[in-house]
Amino acid sequence: MKKLKSFGGRNLGGGGGTPGIPKNFAELQRLQMKMEEELKNLEESFAQEQVEVEVGGGALKIVATCDRQIRDIVYDKDLLDDLEMFNDMLKTAMSEVWQKVESIREEKTNEIIAKYNPLA
């Protein structure tokens, strides 16, 4: 293969390359397809992974999955006597559960992306 040179005499193709970076486009496509498959499997596994949050010393508990589905809400019936407090606790618990879900999703997704990043 003939090496191409730019006007400044720099090499535009062929030759060495950076260590760790695949040298051809087909290899990059293969790695991308493999990463996409792993990300798809990860997305499916999120439906099985549960996150629990308790607030008010266990008076209110929310169980959700990492695919952003609420599975259960358990609360003491006494909380319904003070609806304002119940509302505040519910908002707090919902915020916490979604923060946990997003944190887990981000961490696991970044692990897969980092595994296939040729520059990392």
C-alpha atoms as a PDB file:
ATOM      1  CA  MET A   1       0.000   0.000   0.000  1.00  0.00           C
ATOM      2  CA  LYS A   2       1.310   3.396  -0.957  1.00  0.00           C
ATOM      3  CA  LYS A   3       1.673   5.908   1.847  1.00  0.00           C
ATOM      4  CA  LEU A   4       0.000   9.258   1.288  1.00  0.00           C
ATOM      5  CA  LYS A   5       1.692  12.466   2.336  1.00  0.00           C
ATOM      6  CA  SER A   6       0.083  15.797   3.146  1.00  0.00           C
ATOM      7  CA  PHE A   7       1.466  19.122   1.992  1.00  0.00           C
ATOM      8  CA  GLY A   8       3.513  19.329   5.161  1.00  0.00           C
ATOM      9  CA  GLY A   9       5.072  15.930   4.497  1.00  0.00           C
ATOM     10  CA  ARG A  10       3.111  14.187   7.265  1.00  0.00           C
ATOM     11  CA  ASN A  11       2.055  10.605   6.756  1.00  0.00           C
ATOM     12  CA  LEU A  12      -1.696  10.279   6.092  1.00  0.00           C
ATOM     13  CA  GLY A  13      -2.116   6.536   6.052  1.00  0.00           C
ATOM     14  CA  GLY A  14      -0.552   3.153   6.562  1.00  0.00           C
ATOM     15  CA  GLY A  15       2.267   2.550   8.958  1.00  0.00           C
ATOM     16  CA  GLY A  16       2.458   2.400  12.725  1.00  0.00           C
ATOM     17  CA  GLY A  17      -0.524   3.910  14.413  1.00  0.00           C
ATOM     18  CA  THR A  18      -1.191   4.372  18.086  1.00  0.00           C
ATOM     19  CA  PRO A  19      -0.904   1.307  20.333  1.00  0.00           C
ATOM     20  CA  GLY A  20      -4.287  -0.038  21.415  1.00  0.00           C
ATOM     21  CA  ILE A  21      -6.195   1.552  18.531  1.00  0.00           C
ATOM     22  CA  PRO A  22      -7.458  -0.935  15.932  1.00  0.00           C
ATOM     23  CA  LYS A  23      -5.757  -0.333  12.580  1.00  0.00           C
ATOM     24  CA  ASN A  24      -8.704  -1.012  10.323  1.00  0.00           C
ATOM     25  CA  PHE A  25     -12.312   0.040  10.039  1.00  0.00           C
ATOM     26  CA  ALA A  26     -13.655  -3.540  10.102  1.00  0.00           C
ATOM     27  CA  GLU A  27     -12.109  -4.106  13.527  1.00  0.00           C
ATOM     28  CA  LEU A  28     -13.691  -0.898  14.831  1.00  0.00           C
ATOM     29  CA  GLN A  29     -17.086  -1.978  13.497  1.00  0.00           C
ATOM     30  CA  ARG A  30     -16.699  -5.402  15.151  1.00  0.00           C
ATOM     31  CA  LEU A  31     -15.857  -3.777  18.483  1.00  0.00           C
ATOM     32  CA  GLN A  32     -18.790  -1.380  18.193  1.00  0.00           C
ATOM     33  CA  MET A  33     -21.220  -4.224  17.462  1.00  0.00           C
ATOM     34  CA  LYS A  34     -19.856  -6.179  20.420  1.00  0.00           C
ATOM     35  CA  MET A  35     -20.255  -3.142  22.703  1.00  0.00           C
ATOM     36  CA  GLU A  36     -23.811  -2.502  21.465  1.00  0.00           C
ATOM     37  CA  GLU A  37     -24.708  -6.141  22.188  1.00  0.00           C
ATOM     38  CA  GLU A  38     -23.323  -5.861  25.724  1.00  0.00           C
ATOM     39  CA  LEU A  39     -25.223  -2.606  26.293  1.00  0.00           C
ATOM     40  CA  LYS A  40     -28.437  -4.241  25.060  1.00  0.00           C
ATOM     41  CA  ASN A  41     -27.923  -7.165  27.461  1.00  0.00           C
ATOM     42  CA  LEU A  42     -27.197  -4.726  30.273  1.00  0.00           C
ATOM     43  CA  GLU A  43     -30.417  -2.839  29.558  1.00  0.00           C
ATOM     44  CA  GLU A  44     -32.356  -6.122  29.774  1.00  0.00           C
ATOM     45  CA  SER A  45     -30.635  -7.030  33.057  1.00  0.00           C
ATOM     46  CA  PHE A  46     -31.768  -3.753  34.632  1.00  0.00           C
ATOM     47  CA  ALA A  47     -35.308  -5.178  34.820  1.00  0.00           C
ATOM     48  CA  GLN A  48     -34.057  -7.760  37.341  1.00  0.00           C
ATOM     49  CA  GLU A  49     -31.950  -5.450  39.508  1.00  0.00           C
ATOM     50  CA  GLN A  50     -33.885  -3.930  42.397  1.00  0.00           C
ATOM     51  CA  VAL A  51     -33.214  -0.839  44.472  1.00  0.00           C
ATOM     52  CA  GLU A  52     -34.787  -0.160  47.887  1.00  0.00           C
ATOM     53  CA  VAL A  53     -35.114   3.117  49.749  1.00  0.00           C
ATOM     54  CA  GLU A  54     -36.490   3.602  53.255  1.00  0.00           C
ATOM     55  CA  VAL A  55     -37.318   6.960  54.811  1.00  0.00           C
ATOM     56  CA  GLY A  56     -38.728   7.975  58.161  1.00  0.00           C
ATOM     57  CA  GLY A  57     -36.990   5.139  59.982  1.00  0.00           C
ATOM     58  CA  GLY A  58     -38.651   2.562  57.750  1.00  0.00           C
ATOM     59  CA  ALA A  59     -42.107   4.134  57.874  1.00  0.00           C
ATOM     60  CA  LEU A  60     -42.055   4.384  54.071  1.00  0.00           C
ATOM     61  CA  LYS A  61     -40.250   2.020  51.726  1.00  0.00           C
ATOM     62  CA  ILE A  62     -40.090   2.095  47.923  1.00  0.00           C
ATOM     63  CA  VAL A  63     -38.790  -0.765  45.795  1.00  0.00           C
ATOM     64  CA  ALA A  64     -37.934  -0.059  42.158  1.00  0.00           C
ATOM     65  CA  THR A  65     -35.998  -1.777  39.395  1.00  0.00           C
ATOM     66  CA  CYS A  66     -33.137  -0.261  37.427  1.00  0.00           C
ATOM     67  CA  ASP A  67     -35.341  -0.181  34.324  1.00  0.00           C
ATOM     68  CA  ARG A  68     -37.252   2.578  36.141  1.00  0.00           C
ATOM     69  CA  GLN A  69     -40.288   0.600  37.268  1.00  0.00           C
ATOM     70  CA  ILE A  70     -41.805   0.920  40.750  1.00  0.00           C
ATOM     71  CA  ARG A  71     -42.357  -2.564  42.180  1.00  0.00           C
ATOM     72  CA  ASP A  72     -43.712  -1.771  45.626  1.00  0.00           C
ATOM     73  CA  ILE A  73     -44.545   1.041  48.029  1.00  0.00           C
ATOM     74  CA  VAL A  74     -44.951   0.049  51.666  1.00  0.00           C
ATOM     75  CA  TYR A  75     -45.946   2.532  54.380  1.00  0.00           C
ATOM     76  CA  ASP A  76     -47.233   2.626  57.917  1.00  0.00           C
ATOM     77  CA  LYS A  77     -50.947   3.392  57.990  1.00  0.00           C
ATOM     78  CA  ASP A  78     -50.247   6.001  60.700  1.00  0.00           C
ATOM     79  CA  LEU A  79     -48.575   8.159  58.042  1.00  0.00           C
ATOM     80  CA  LEU A  80     -51.957   8.800  56.449  1.00  0.00           C
ATOM     81  CA  ASP A  81     -53.027  10.754  59.537  1.00  0.00           C
ATOM     82  CA  ASP A  82     -50.642  13.535  58.469  1.00  0.00           C
ATOM     83  CA  LEU A  83     -50.900  13.766  54.682  1.00  0.00           C
ATOM     84  CA  GLU A  84     -48.447  16.643  54.421  1.00  0.00           C
ATOM     85  CA  MET A  85     -45.736  14.594  56.158  1.00  0.00           C
ATOM     86  CA  PHE A  86     -46.632  11.549  54.029  1.00  0.00           C
ATOM     87  CA  ASN A  87     -46.357  13.666  50.881  1.00  0.00           C
ATOM     88  CA  ASP A  88     -42.929  15.014  51.927  1.00  0.00           C
ATOM     89  CA  MET A  89     -41.647  11.532  52.770  1.00  0.00           C
ATOM     90  CA  LEU A  90     -42.938  10.153  49.481  1.00  0.00           C
ATOM     91  CA  LYS A  91     -41.199  12.899  47.477  1.00  0.00           C
ATOM     92  CA  THR A  92     -37.961  12.309  49.385  1.00  0.00           C
ATOM     93  CA  ALA A  93     -38.120   8.547  48.862  1.00  0.00           C
ATOM     94  CA  MET A  94     -38.907   8.906  45.156  1.00  0.00           C
ATOM     95  CA  SER A  95     -35.978  11.287  44.663  1.00  0.00           C
ATOM     96  CA  GLU A  96     -33.617   8.924  46.470  1.00  0.00           C
ATOM     97  CA  VAL A  97     -34.742   5.836  44.571  1.00  0.00           C
ATOM     98  CA  TRP A  98     -34.307   7.535  41.181  1.00  0.00           C
ATOM     99  CA  GLN A  99     -30.873   8.843  42.211  1.00  0.00           C
ATOM    100  CA  LYS A 100     -29.822   5.309  43.138  1.00  0.00           C
ATOM    101  CA  VAL A 101     -31.209   3.863  39.905  1.00  0.00           C
ATOM    102  CA  GLU A 102     -29.452   6.463  37.758  1.00  0.00           C
ATOM    103  CA  SER A 103     -26.186   5.993  39.650  1.00  0.00           C
ATOM    104  CA  ILE A 104     -26.240   2.223  39.098  1.00  0.00           C
ATOM    105  CA  ARG A 105     -27.199   2.596  35.432  1.00  0.00           C
ATOM    106  CA  GLU A 106     -24.461   5.156  34.788  1.00  0.00           C
ATOM    107  CA  GLU A 107     -21.781   3.141  36.575  1.00  0.00           C
ATOM    108  CA  LYS A 108     -22.534  -0.111  34.744  1.00  0.00           C
ATOM    109  CA  THR A 109     -22.903   1.567  31.357  1.00  0.00           C
ATOM    110  CA  ASN A 110     -19.609   3.427  31.786  1.00  0.00           C
ATOM    111  CA  GLU A 111     -17.842   0.156  32.663  1.00  0.00           C
ATOM    112  CA  ILE A 112     -18.863  -1.338  29.320  1.00  0.00           C
ATOM    113  CA  ILE A 113     -18.031   1.799  27.340  1.00  0.00           C
ATOM    114  CA  ALA A 114     -14.600   2.051  28.987  1.00  0.00           C
ATOM    115  CA  LYS A 115     -13.896  -1.587  28.125  1.00  0.00           C
ATOM    116  CA  TYR A 116     -14.290  -0.852  24.392  1.00  0.00           C
ATOM    117  CA  ASN A 117     -12.712   2.599  24.304  1.00  0.00           C
ATOM    118  CA  PRO A 118      -9.436   2.230  22.360  1.00  0.00           C
ATOM    119  CA  LEU A 119      -8.120   5.516  23.772  1.00  0.00           C
ATOM    120  CA  ALA A 120      -8.616   4.597  27.444  1.00  0.00           C
END
